[in-house]
Amino acid sequence: MKPFSISRKQYWVFCIVFSLCALLGLTSLVIAEIYLPRNPGGMAGRTAMYRSLGLWSLAWLGIAVWAGYRLWTTKSSDLETR
């Protein structure tokens, strides 16, 4: 089976887009922590935010780190082939 190839440009897009998504997700968590009230409804909202945006932010960050790693390894392998 032929391996699926991704260009460096696509890795850059992955890295930038998913880094922004992770940053916005973590910023949303900070804003929710600051502005949600300290009552049972606010605590339920806070829990829901951490369950959804916390997990998604970690997933987006993981994809961004993977893309950055692939950029780093493809750059070093391109330098070795020259």
Protein backbone atom coordinates (compact mmCIF):
# COMPACT_ATOMS: atom_id res chain seq x y z
CA MET A 1 0.00 0.00 0.00
CA LYS A 2 1.38 3.39 -0.99
CA PRO A 3 1.93 5.74 1.97
CA PHE A 4 -0.06 8.95 1.97
CA SER A 5 2.28 11.90 1.52
CA ILE A 6 1.65 15.31 3.03
CA SER A 7 3.58 18.34 1.81
CA ARG A 8 5.40 20.79 4.08
CA LYS A 9 2.81 23.44 3.21
CA GLN A 10 0.04 21.20 4.55
CA TYR A 11 2.01 20.59 7.76
CA TRP A 12 2.31 24.37 8.17
CA VAL A 13 -1.45 24.73 7.75
CA PHE A 14 -2.07 21.98 10.31
CA CYS A 15 0.37 23.54 12.75
CA ILE A 16 -1.01 27.07 12.47
CA VAL A 17 -4.72 26.24 12.39
CA PHE A 18 -4.67 23.72 15.22
CA SER A 19 -2.39 25.92 17.34
CA LEU A 20 -4.94 28.71 17.00
CA CYS A 21 -7.78 26.34 17.86
CA ALA A 22 -5.97 25.13 20.98
CA LEU A 23 -5.15 28.70 22.01
CA LEU A 24 -8.76 29.81 21.56
CA GLY A 25 -10.03 26.79 23.48
CA LEU A 26 -7.72 27.41 26.41
CA THR A 27 -8.58 31.13 26.35
CA SER A 28 -12.26 30.21 26.52
CA LEU A 29 -11.57 28.10 29.59
CA VAL A 30 -9.79 31.00 31.30
CA ILE A 31 -12.63 33.40 30.45
CA ALA A 32 -15.21 30.89 31.73
CA GLU A 33 -13.23 30.47 34.94
CA ILE A 34 -13.19 34.22 35.49
CA TYR A 35 -16.78 35.08 34.55
CA LEU A 36 -18.92 32.08 35.52
CA PRO A 37 -20.59 32.68 38.90
CA ARG A 38 -19.72 30.71 42.02
CA ASN A 39 -23.07 28.97 42.40
CA PRO A 40 -24.38 25.50 41.44
CA GLY A 41 -25.33 26.64 37.92
CA GLY A 42 -21.96 28.25 37.34
CA MET A 43 -20.16 25.17 38.64
CA ALA A 44 -22.17 22.96 36.26
CA GLY A 45 -21.25 25.27 33.38
CA ARG A 46 -17.61 25.25 34.42
CA THR A 47 -17.61 21.44 34.52
CA ALA A 48 -19.19 21.26 31.08
CA MET A 49 -16.59 23.69 29.70
CA TYR A 50 -13.71 21.64 31.08
CA ARG A 51 -15.17 18.39 29.78
CA SER A 52 -15.69 19.66 26.26
CA LEU A 53 -13.20 22.44 25.56
CA GLY A 54 -10.52 21.01 27.82
CA LEU A 55 -10.46 17.71 25.97
CA TRP A 56 -10.77 19.31 22.53
CA SER A 57 -8.01 21.81 23.31
CA LEU A 58 -5.68 18.96 24.25
CA ALA A 59 -6.57 17.11 21.04
CA TRP A 60 -5.96 20.23 18.93
CA LEU A 61 -2.69 20.87 20.72
CA GLY A 62 -1.64 17.28 20.05
CA ILE A 63 -2.30 17.67 16.32
CA ALA A 64 -0.37 20.97 16.28
CA VAL A 65 2.59 19.38 18.08
CA TRP A 66 2.51 16.44 15.67
CA ALA A 67 2.53 18.80 12.68
CA GLY A 68 5.39 20.81 14.19
CA TYR A 69 7.34 17.62 14.78
CA ARG A 70 6.75 16.52 11.19
CA LEU A 71 7.91 19.93 9.97
CA TRP A 72 11.07 19.54 12.02
CA THR A 73 11.80 16.00 10.82
CA THR A 74 11.04 16.73 7.15
CA LYS A 75 13.31 19.79 7.29
CA SER A 76 16.20 17.79 8.74
CA SER A 77 15.66 14.95 6.25
CA ASP A 78 15.57 17.48 3.37
CA LEU A 79 18.89 18.90 4.56
CA GLU A 80 20.44 15.41 4.69
CA THR A 81 19.43 14.60 1.12
CA ARG A 82 21.07 17.75 -0.29
